[in-house]
Amino acid sequence: QHPLGITLACEVEASLGPLKDLFASPTMWVETSTDLTGVELAGAFKNVIAICAGMAHGLGLPDGSVTHLISRMASEIEDFCVSRLDARPETFRLGSQCWGGDLWMSCIGSTRNRRFGELLGQGRTLEQAAKLMSQQHKTIEGVRTLQALEVLLRQYPDELRLLSTAERIILGDAPAATLIETLMNDNQIPITTDPTTQR
């Protein structure tokens, strides 16, 4: 076996120690959390980001562009889950196994959601990509997550710009390149905040 890490979540804090002892091994590193909501959200949202990372690869973008997309989408989702859905900030830290660890594995590994996104980025429709994945007996969790989020995305479009754009591509008929347009048109960081330095 190769070393892996997992997040074990339980609302009953007293149960975490015995549960950790049950699952931990020389090759299984276990972190514990009582943030059941946050852990569930992290596990769901990382699949959507993996689809988007796959779309970027399917569009032929280099690794630097793909990781920029991943980090920006992750930031958007982290902020939303903590501020609107009562998740805890520590659940969405980079070192968290249910978020940082699972996120990078899903986005850069040979995963179902990433492969599905690659097909969309290469020009396949939702139906075509889903059929190809179904032939390989693979379920795309990120699609189901977006279907469950449609009402939420309509309610908070300004806070979930990238996720809303992803939904229009994956569940609608917008071209995959629309995600990159949203990514780069949403630049709210000024070059300088000191007017005396401007020429």
Protein backbone atom coordinates (compact mmCIF):
# COMPACT_ATOMS: atom_id res chain seq x y z
CA GLN A 1 0.00 0.00 0.00
CA HIS A 2 1.01 3.61 -0.62
CA PRO A 3 0.59 6.40 1.96
CA LEU A 4 -2.71 8.26 1.92
CA GLY A 5 -4.53 10.78 4.09
CA ILE A 6 -8.23 11.05 4.92
CA THR A 7 -10.54 13.28 6.93
CA LEU A 8 -12.81 11.44 9.34
CA ALA A 9 -15.82 13.52 10.38
CA CYS A 10 -18.25 12.92 13.23
CA GLU A 11 -20.41 15.37 15.16
CA VAL A 12 -19.76 13.46 18.40
CA GLU A 13 -16.27 14.56 19.39
CA ALA A 14 -15.85 11.77 21.92
CA SER A 15 -16.19 9.22 19.12
CA LEU A 16 -13.38 10.64 16.99
CA GLY A 17 -10.52 9.10 18.93
CA PRO A 18 -11.82 5.50 18.75
CA LEU A 19 -12.76 5.96 15.10
CA LYS A 20 -9.32 7.30 14.27
CA ASP A 21 -7.73 4.29 15.97
CA LEU A 22 -9.94 2.04 13.87
CA PHE A 23 -8.87 3.49 10.52
CA ALA A 24 -5.30 4.68 11.10
CA SER A 25 -2.44 2.50 9.91
CA PRO A 26 1.23 2.84 8.86
CA THR A 27 -0.01 3.85 5.40
CA MET A 28 -3.24 5.69 6.36
CA TRP A 29 -2.91 9.12 8.01
CA VAL A 30 -6.18 10.18 9.62
CA GLU A 31 -7.25 13.70 10.58
CA THR A 32 -10.50 14.21 12.48
CA SER A 33 -13.18 16.89 12.37
CA THR A 34 -16.55 17.65 13.94
CA ASP A 35 -17.41 19.90 10.96
CA LEU A 36 -19.65 17.40 9.20
CA THR A 37 -21.21 20.08 6.98
CA GLY A 38 -17.87 21.45 5.85
CA VAL A 39 -16.38 18.04 5.11
CA GLU A 40 -19.43 17.07 3.02
CA LEU A 41 -19.29 20.38 1.11
CA ALA A 42 -15.56 20.02 0.46
CA GLY A 43 -16.05 16.53 -0.92
CA ALA A 44 -18.81 17.69 -3.26
CA PHE A 45 -17.31 20.93 -4.54
CA LYS A 46 -13.87 19.51 -5.33
CA ASN A 47 -15.52 17.34 -8.00
CA VAL A 48 -16.88 20.42 -9.78
CA ILE A 49 -13.46 22.08 -9.73
CA ALA A 50 -11.96 18.87 -11.15
CA ILE A 51 -14.37 19.04 -14.09
CA CYS A 52 -13.31 22.64 -14.70
CA ALA A 53 -9.63 21.72 -14.49
CA GLY A 54 -10.32 19.03 -17.07
CA MET A 55 -12.05 21.57 -19.32
CA ALA A 56 -8.97 23.78 -19.17
CA HIS A 57 -6.79 20.82 -20.16
CA GLY A 58 -9.24 19.96 -22.93
CA LEU A 59 -8.92 23.51 -24.26
CA GLY A 60 -5.17 22.93 -24.53
CA LEU A 61 -4.15 25.37 -21.80
CA PRO A 62 -0.78 24.94 -20.05
CA ASP A 63 -0.38 23.82 -16.46
CA GLY A 64 0.08 27.37 -15.17
CA SER A 65 -3.31 28.39 -16.54
CA VAL A 66 -4.98 25.29 -15.14
CA THR A 67 -3.59 25.81 -11.64
CA HIS A 68 -4.63 29.47 -11.76
CA LEU A 69 -8.18 28.34 -12.50
CA ILE A 70 -8.10 25.74 -9.72
CA SER A 71 -6.84 28.18 -7.10
CA ARG A 72 -9.35 30.88 -8.06
CA MET A 73 -12.31 28.49 -8.02
CA ALA A 74 -11.15 27.02 -4.74
CA SER A 75 -10.97 30.50 -3.19
CA GLU A 76 -14.47 31.37 -4.39
CA ILE A 77 -15.92 28.17 -2.96
CA GLU A 78 -13.99 28.38 0.31
CA ASP A 79 -15.27 31.92 0.96
CA PHE A 80 -18.84 30.96 0.11
CA CYS A 81 -18.95 27.79 2.20
CA VAL A 82 -17.57 29.57 5.25
CA SER A 83 -19.66 32.76 4.96
CA ARG A 84 -22.95 31.31 3.69
CA LEU A 85 -23.07 27.61 4.54
CA ASP A 86 -21.55 27.63 8.04
CA ALA A 87 -18.49 25.55 7.19
CA ARG A 88 -15.41 26.09 9.33
CA PRO A 89 -12.36 27.81 7.84
CA GLU A 90 -10.00 25.07 8.98
CA THR A 91 -11.91 22.50 6.92
CA PHE A 92 -10.97 24.41 3.77
CA ARG A 93 -7.30 24.96 4.52
CA LEU A 94 -4.77 23.68 1.99
CA GLY A 95 -3.52 20.98 4.36
CA SER A 96 -6.98 19.54 4.96
CA GLN A 97 -7.28 16.08 3.43
CA CYS A 98 -10.95 16.47 2.51
CA TRP A 99 -10.19 19.74 0.69
CA GLY A 100 -6.58 20.44 -0.22
CA GLY A 101 -5.52 16.81 -0.55
CA ASP A 102 -8.62 15.58 -2.37
CA LEU A 103 -8.83 18.73 -4.50
CA TRP A 104 -5.38 18.42 -6.02
CA MET A 105 -5.71 14.69 -6.54
CA SER A 106 -9.05 15.12 -8.29
CA CYS A 107 -7.80 17.97 -10.47
CA ILE A 108 -4.41 16.64 -11.57
CA GLY A 109 -4.87 12.88 -11.27
CA SER A 110 -6.50 10.51 -13.75
CA THR A 111 -9.95 10.96 -12.23
CA ARG A 112 -13.48 10.59 -13.59
CA ASN A 113 -14.44 14.23 -13.12
CA ARG A 114 -11.28 15.57 -14.71
CA ARG A 115 -11.64 13.24 -17.71
CA PHE A 116 -15.26 14.31 -18.16
CA GLY A 117 -14.15 17.94 -18.16
CA GLU A 118 -11.49 17.21 -20.77
CA LEU A 119 -14.19 15.85 -23.07
CA LEU A 120 -16.23 19.04 -22.63
CA GLY A 121 -13.16 21.17 -23.28
CA GLN A 122 -12.53 19.24 -26.49
CA GLY A 123 -15.99 20.17 -27.74
CA ARG A 124 -18.23 17.29 -26.65
CA THR A 125 -21.71 18.10 -25.39
CA LEU A 126 -22.90 17.07 -21.94
CA GLU A 127 -24.79 14.14 -23.47
CA GLN A 128 -21.84 12.99 -25.58
CA ALA A 129 -19.37 13.20 -22.71
CA ALA A 130 -21.77 11.49 -20.30
CA LYS A 131 -22.33 8.66 -22.78
CA LEU A 132 -18.60 8.08 -23.20
CA MET A 133 -18.10 7.99 -19.44
CA SER A 134 -21.12 5.72 -18.97
CA GLN A 135 -19.62 3.24 -21.43
CA GLN A 136 -16.69 3.01 -19.01
CA HIS A 137 -19.12 2.57 -16.09
CA LYS A 138 -18.00 5.86 -14.52
CA THR A 139 -20.25 8.22 -12.58
CA ILE A 140 -19.53 11.96 -12.69
CA GLU A 141 -20.27 13.28 -9.22
CA GLY A 142 -19.56 16.90 -10.13
CA VAL A 143 -22.52 17.02 -12.52
CA ARG A 144 -24.90 15.86 -9.81
CA THR A 145 -23.46 18.45 -7.44
CA LEU A 146 -24.18 21.25 -9.92
CA GLN A 147 -27.71 19.96 -10.50
CA ALA A 148 -28.32 20.15 -6.75
CA LEU A 149 -26.90 23.68 -6.61
CA GLU A 150 -28.97 25.35 -9.33
CA VAL A 151 -31.22 27.26 -6.90
CA LEU A 152 -28.23 28.40 -4.84
CA LEU A 153 -26.39 29.60 -7.94
CA ARG A 154 -29.39 31.71 -8.99
CA GLN A 155 -29.54 33.22 -5.49
CA TYR A 156 -25.86 34.20 -5.24
CA PRO A 157 -24.57 34.77 -8.79
CA ASP A 158 -22.19 37.58 -7.79
CA GLU A 159 -20.53 35.49 -5.08
CA LEU A 160 -20.26 32.41 -7.28
CA ARG A 161 -19.24 33.85 -10.64
CA LEU A 162 -16.93 31.01 -11.67
CA LEU A 163 -19.20 28.29 -10.36
CA SER A 164 -22.21 29.86 -12.10
CA THR A 165 -20.27 30.00 -15.35
CA ALA A 166 -19.27 26.36 -14.94
CA GLU A 167 -22.93 25.47 -14.47
CA ARG A 168 -23.87 27.26 -17.71
CA ILE A 169 -21.23 25.24 -19.55
CA ILE A 170 -21.72 21.83 -17.99
CA LEU A 171 -25.52 21.83 -17.73
CA GLY A 172 -26.22 24.35 -20.49
CA ASP A 173 -24.84 25.09 -23.92
CA ALA A 174 -22.18 27.72 -23.22
CA PRO A 175 -18.76 26.94 -24.74
CA ALA A 176 -16.01 25.77 -22.38
CA ALA A 177 -13.90 28.84 -23.19
CA THR A 178 -16.53 30.96 -21.40
CA LEU A 179 -15.05 29.82 -18.08
CA ILE A 180 -11.66 31.28 -18.97
CA GLU A 181 -13.30 34.54 -20.08
CA THR A 182 -15.02 34.84 -16.71
CA LEU A 183 -11.80 33.96 -14.93
CA MET A 184 -9.79 36.71 -16.58
CA ASN A 185 -12.52 39.37 -16.80
CA ASP A 186 -13.07 39.24 -13.05
CA ASN A 187 -9.79 40.91 -12.13
CA GLN A 188 -10.56 43.08 -9.10
CA ILE A 189 -6.98 43.51 -7.86
CA PRO A 190 -5.65 47.01 -8.70
CA ILE A 191 -2.10 47.44 -9.90
CA THR A 192 -1.54 50.06 -7.21
CA THR A 193 -3.61 51.68 -4.49
CA ASP A 194 -1.29 54.68 -4.09
CA PRO A 195 -2.22 57.45 -6.57
CA THR A 196 1.13 59.21 -5.99
CA THR A 197 2.96 56.30 -7.64
CA GLN A 198 0.90 56.48 -10.84
CA ARG A 199 2.44 58.21 -13.83
